[in-house]
Amino acid sequence: MAPLRKLFKNTLSLPISINNNVISTHLFPSINNLINNQLQSHLANVNYLLNAPDLQSITIQKLLDTQYFFWTPHFPDHISISKSKLPITQASYLTKCAILFAKYHISIHSNFDSNIKGGNTPITEYYPDFAPTDLKSLRTKRVIFADQVTKKDGIFLHEYHDIDAINHQGPIPNWYKKLVSECSYGPNLKLYTPLSSPVVSHLVRNSIPNDPSSFYYRPKRKIWVIYWDSQINNIHLGKIIEIKNHIHGIPTAFIEHWKYSPLEIDKVNTTPKQYVPIFTPCPNCRLHTYFHRDIRPKCVLEVQLHTLHRINIRDKNYRPYSSIQIPYAYYIISNNSFHTLRVTAFNLYSQLTSRDTPLPLSDNFPNSFSSNYVNTPQIPISTTSSSDPTISNMFIDCPITLTNLSYLKELNSQCTTFNFFTDGSVQSLTKQNCKIGFGWIETLAHNTTSYFAGYTTHLLSATKAETMAVLTALITVPPNSDKLKTNNFLLWFSIQNHISINNIKVSLVKIKAHSNNISNDLADHQAKLGCNLPDPIIINPRSTSFSIGILTWNNLGCIDKNLRKWSKVLTAAKTFNQFLQNNHISPVMQVGKIHSIDFHLTQQWLNFIPDNLKVSISLNKFHGSKIKAANFHLPTGSQQKLYYPHLYPMDTIVCPLCHLEEDSNTHFGNCSTYTNDLQLIIQKYKSILIDIVNS
């Protein structure tokens, strides 16, 4: 690419030092960037791999290889890949493409579940500076989460030989040494940055032996357990006395209550984390439950069996301090610190009490029928929260709209022939607040007319609105139906797939807009109502069986466009953004903060060619002079001093016309010598423009 850029600059008489993004942006006469061309080709190739049924098995393997290369528990997005510093010499084609795409904020998302469970914080994201040899060791040791090498509270790093999840053969690996030296401090190996969310959902609860066939079951060995008390936000520890198996209820355990009794010497000399986790029998507290089958324990608690977590205690001969006598007659010492026991018990409690909260549904669904057509009865809108599985799988987001769509599908289940009028509506296209709505009415299947309206987001266009209307209408009809219809990549595939699976016969009929067709006008009205709905519905890319994965930009949504054409907009925007960050045009950008710049008109002016130069040999010099002037690269005195410091004097070179200020590119356009001439030219052509407009 460098020789081509050099040749192009020489052709336009541009200095070699001018930034390459200047000759690549479409603001000026430019050449295509071959790297951008490669991006367009690779995007198209990868998109084909992800959607080719014949290559599904190969594509799945390549996606898993890429995930294995980066050693993450899920397929990495562009953020994770951009942080990686791994060499790509041994990477596969798909991995190299993922790295290239990440530079443009494009991610690959697999439609199959490749997630690895067992933790919340990937170790390569917690510390992204691992060397390739470190990753090789992590793969060998099967360490993929930072949770595996930290304690349950996510605050302290485990001692290497205390990590249960790995094989300890051989010397301590370098990746662990890096975690110790760069991510932790102190003798306790406390992390500089604690894990944001220690593992809760995959907590393994130690099983407690029980015989459900016995109404009372007494364990043969001592079993020490803990559980979380939400009333006091703390744990209770005890020894199981007996388990009661209710005939029609949940088993409960009677446990002897022991309380936490740290030593006074620990309170003076160490931190709470280092307290000896010592427990003594509770003399009697308000939690005591009368237990007639054994009156020896002074404090007994009755707890549901499934809430208990079994723990291990130290040998009775264990002494935390050789020179200090324990001041208690009866006591036990836990293997884990009191803080770790609290975290374990709370995690178990969170796991047991967590439930999926249903999405709230509003009873006041916006009325999607206009008062202009009150003479036509409307099908009532469902307010139940049930949704058809096919619809729930194909669309995501607004539950109210999906529930309404499910209701219409159930309503149509007994019919075979339908007459749909569909339409799409676009508001404020090309603007940031753009919305597209879609709607349809059905006039044949029932005695009354049914209506539907919705709106969607992401990569908006009028075609997408029309296509969403067709898809939402088709999905409400039962299999083996005939259909009459008035009239983006993912939507059309979904339509084709739905028609094929359900054996639906579809006939498309184009009705001219504003032709006084009452049904078409109603469909248009529904589409406009869809633009004003509070929540959108979006096609679910995982609902299609033919697709292995999708491409997204900035993790915002599926790119279901022609990727070659779409990526041209992306690369042009990136190149233009790089151009605006050039230091030499900073004076223009400072003015742009006060006065808005119309870059569209600027582009037209910079690419304008006078009639007398269209076939002239001087055309390249004409373009070159414009580019140099716009980028402050004209050969003024200050510029020449910069390029030839030994040829030009060190003193300031003044403007040869006004002799007042330094001869620089900034002064060139503001020189008082030109000001009067520029004003006369502007006044002249202003008058000409007014005459043209008035005529």
Foldseek 3Di string as FASTA:
>chain_A
DLVVLVVLCVLLVHDPPPDQLLQDFLLFPHDHDVLLVVLLVVVVVVQCCQQFLVNQVVSVVLQVQLCLQLLAQARDFLVLLVLAPADCPVHDPVNVSRNSVSVLQKTWHFLDDSGDDDWDAFPCVVPVPDYPVRSVVCVQFVRGHQLQQAAQVQFAGHDPVPRPSGDPPDDDDPVVVCCQPPAADDPRRTGPDGDPDGDQQPDDFDDDDDDLVDQKAADPDWWKKKAADPVVLAIWIFTWGIWGRDPPDFIKTKTFTKAFDFDPVCVVPHDLQPTFRKIGGDQEDPQADDDPVDPPRNGIHIGGPQRIGTFDWDDPPDDPDPVDDDPDPDMTTGPHHRVSVSSSNVSSVCNVPDDDDDDDFDPCFPDLADPVPVVFDEDDFDRDQDADPLLPLFKDDDSSQRSRLRVLLVVQAVFAEWEKEKAKDWDPPPDPLIWIKIKMWIDPGDPGIYIHIATADDPDDRVVRQLVRVQSVLVSHAANHEYEYEGFQQSVLSVVVSCVVRVYHYDYHYDDPPPPPVRNVSRVSRNVVNRPGPMHMDTDSSSDPSGRIFMDRNPPDGDNHSSSVVSVVSVSVVSVVVVVPDPQQVVVVVVCVVPPDDSVVSSCVLHDDDPVPPPPSCVSNVSSVSSCLNRFNPPWPVNVCVVCVPPDDPDFDCDPPQRPHGGGSVCVVVPPVCPVVVVVVVVVVVVVVVVVVVD
